[in-house]
Each structure stands twice: as C-alpha cells, then as structure tokens.
Amino acid sequence: ATDTAGLSTTSGGIAVTATAPLVATSMRVSSVAIGFSGRSNANLVVTVSVVNNLGQAVAGATVGASVFRNGSATAYKTFSGTTGSAGTVTFTVKNVATGCYSAKVTRLASGSLTWDGTTPANITSPCK
C-alpha cells in the first residue's frame, strides 16, 4: 500500500469486521411489584420497572397503570407517572380498602421506543 506522501509498506492480510452499534428500539415492562406500607399496611404500593430491548433501564418513560381489587374488571384506581434513572416508577394508594389487589400497565411511552403492550404477571398480588 502506498500513502499520499509516497511511503509504502507491505503486511499480511488483516481482516476487520465492523458491526453496527446496538440501538434501543423497543421497551417492555420487566416487572410489576405490589405491596403494602404504612401503619396497619394502610397503603398499597405498586412499583413498575421498564427496560429497553438491550436490557437497560428506561428513564423518562411515561407509565399509565390501573389497580384492580378482588378480581374486578373495573379499575379501583388509575395512575400516571414517569420512570426515574433506575427505570422505575412507584405509585401509592393511601388508605386502601380490605381486599386482594393486582395491577396492569395500560400505557408506556418514551420517545421513539415502541412497547409490545403486555404486562408481566405481578410479582405479588397481595391481600389485606
């Protein structure tokens, strides 16, 4: 090979393989955890975790969720919030009634990332 200054060299063949950088294109709800807090477990706490297709936390995602009580198809409470740097958002319902609770993510949006629309099974579905 000869460069523009007229210098040349020879060497054995070198193979170079270049791959495109990995780019996040989608996101998913990685977990939904439900528990109680406060005196006499008066408050219901729901934590939603969001990761991208590379397994990295998604900060700044808008999460909409509904909480259901005793298997009802009607939402007991609905929420909207934004994930922090760890990719989680926590919702709290104060002074909940006695019953068994579950949660479902109803909306997930973050820039150009797409969401598959599914919510994994709740880590816990506690009863009070």
Protein backbone atom coordinates (compact mmCIF):
# COMPACT_ATOMS: atom_id res chain seq x y z
CA ALA A 1 0.00 0.00 0.00
CA THR A 2 1.22 3.50 -0.75
CA ASP A 3 0.02 6.63 1.07
CA THR A 4 -0.31 10.14 -0.33
CA ALA A 5 3.24 11.02 0.79
CA GLY A 6 4.65 8.25 -1.41
CA LEU A 7 5.53 5.96 1.50
CA SER A 8 4.69 2.31 1.12
CA THR A 9 4.59 -0.82 3.22
CA THR A 10 3.60 -4.42 2.94
CA SER A 11 1.96 -6.63 5.52
CA GLY A 12 -0.03 -9.81 5.83
CA GLY A 13 -3.76 -9.68 5.33
CA ILE A 14 -5.77 -8.26 8.20
CA ALA A 15 -9.47 -8.92 8.45
CA VAL A 16 -11.57 -6.17 10.01
CA THR A 17 -15.16 -6.82 10.93
CA ALA A 18 -17.36 -3.87 11.80
CA THR A 19 -20.77 -4.19 13.35
CA ALA A 20 -23.40 -1.54 13.67
CA PRO A 21 -23.76 -0.10 17.18
CA LEU A 22 -26.56 -1.58 19.26
CA VAL A 23 -29.54 0.75 19.34
CA ALA A 24 -32.54 0.62 21.64
CA THR A 25 -35.71 0.37 19.57
CA SER A 26 -38.28 -1.03 21.97
CA MET A 27 -39.12 -1.30 25.64
CA ARG A 28 -41.02 -3.62 27.92
CA VAL A 29 -42.37 -3.78 31.44
CA SER A 30 -39.86 -6.02 33.20
CA SER A 31 -41.78 -6.26 36.48
CA VAL A 32 -44.77 -5.08 38.49
CA ALA A 33 -44.37 -5.40 42.26
CA ILE A 34 -47.23 -4.80 44.69
CA GLY A 35 -47.09 -4.49 48.46
CA PHE A 36 -48.38 -2.57 51.43
CA SER A 37 -46.81 0.14 53.57
CA GLY A 38 -47.66 2.37 56.47
CA ARG A 39 -49.36 1.76 59.76
CA SER A 40 -51.51 -1.39 59.61
CA ASN A 41 -50.50 -1.73 55.93
CA ALA A 42 -52.94 1.03 55.08
CA ASN A 43 -51.26 1.99 51.79
CA LEU A 44 -50.92 -0.02 48.60
CA VAL A 45 -47.58 0.44 46.79
CA VAL A 46 -47.13 -0.52 43.12
CA THR A 47 -43.67 -0.36 41.51
CA VAL A 48 -43.29 -0.75 37.74
CA SER A 49 -39.88 -1.40 36.15
CA VAL A 50 -39.16 -0.65 32.47
CA VAL A 51 -36.19 -1.81 30.34
CA ASN A 52 -35.31 -1.45 26.67
CA ASN A 53 -34.53 -4.25 24.22
CA LEU A 54 -30.88 -4.08 25.34
CA GLY A 55 -31.90 -4.75 28.96
CA GLN A 56 -31.10 -1.21 30.10
CA ALA A 57 -33.35 0.83 32.40
CA VAL A 58 -35.53 3.34 30.56
CA ALA A 59 -35.53 6.70 32.34
CA GLY A 60 -38.21 9.27 31.49
CA ALA A 61 -40.82 6.78 30.26
CA THR A 62 -44.45 7.71 30.88
CA VAL A 63 -46.27 4.84 32.57
CA GLY A 64 -50.02 4.53 32.94
CA ALA A 65 -51.33 1.80 35.22
CA SER A 66 -54.54 0.56 36.80
CA VAL A 67 -55.03 -1.26 40.09
CA PHE A 68 -57.83 -3.80 40.43
CA ARG A 69 -59.44 -5.05 43.65
CA ASN A 70 -60.89 -8.51 44.30
CA GLY A 71 -60.69 -9.57 40.63
CA SER A 72 -62.95 -6.79 39.40
CA ALA A 73 -62.72 -5.79 35.73
CA THR A 74 -63.25 -2.17 36.79
CA ALA A 75 -60.18 -0.27 37.91
CA TYR A 76 -60.04 0.56 41.62
CA LYS A 77 -57.51 3.33 40.90
CA THR A 78 -55.59 4.60 37.85
CA PHE A 79 -52.20 6.31 37.78
CA SER A 80 -49.74 8.03 35.50
CA GLY A 81 -46.11 8.74 36.27
CA THR A 82 -42.58 8.93 34.88
CA THR A 83 -39.74 6.48 35.43
CA GLY A 84 -36.59 7.71 37.16
CA SER A 85 -32.97 6.95 36.31
CA ALA A 86 -33.35 3.34 37.51
CA GLY A 87 -36.28 2.79 35.11
CA THR A 88 -38.85 2.50 37.89
CA VAL A 89 -41.91 4.43 38.93
CA THR A 90 -43.83 3.86 42.16
CA PHE A 91 -47.49 4.60 42.75
CA THR A 92 -49.07 4.70 46.20
CA VAL A 93 -52.76 4.47 47.09
CA LYS A 94 -53.39 5.69 50.62
CA ASN A 95 -55.84 4.01 52.97
CA VAL A 96 -56.96 1.18 50.70
CA ALA A 97 -59.98 -0.93 51.49
CA THR A 98 -59.62 -4.54 52.57
CA GLY A 99 -59.22 -6.83 49.57
CA CYS A 100 -56.86 -8.52 47.13
CA TYR A 101 -55.07 -6.33 44.58
CA SER A 102 -53.44 -6.67 41.15
CA ALA A 103 -52.06 -4.12 38.69
CA LYS A 104 -51.79 -3.77 34.93
CA VAL A 105 -49.79 -1.29 32.86
CA THR A 106 -52.13 0.43 30.40
CA ARG A 107 -49.74 2.87 28.74
CA LEU A 108 -45.98 3.05 28.17
CA ALA A 109 -44.37 5.79 26.09
CA SER A 110 -40.80 7.03 25.69
CA GLY A 111 -39.59 8.87 22.60
CA SER A 112 -39.20 6.56 19.63
CA LEU A 113 -39.18 3.34 21.69
CA THR A 114 -42.11 1.02 20.98
CA TRP A 115 -43.94 -1.07 23.58
CA ASP A 116 -45.30 -4.58 22.99
CA GLY A 117 -48.40 -3.77 25.07
CA THR A 118 -48.01 -6.57 27.60
CA THR A 119 -47.74 -6.52 31.38
CA PRO A 120 -45.95 -9.42 33.06
CA ALA A 121 -47.62 -11.29 35.88
CA ASN A 122 -47.48 -9.29 39.11
CA ILE A 123 -44.59 -10.29 41.36
CA THR A 124 -47.10 -10.36 44.19
CA SER A 125 -50.87 -9.95 44.31
CA PRO A 126 -51.34 -9.24 47.98
CA CYS A 127 -54.46 -9.29 50.08
CA LYS A 128 -55.12 -7.04 53.04
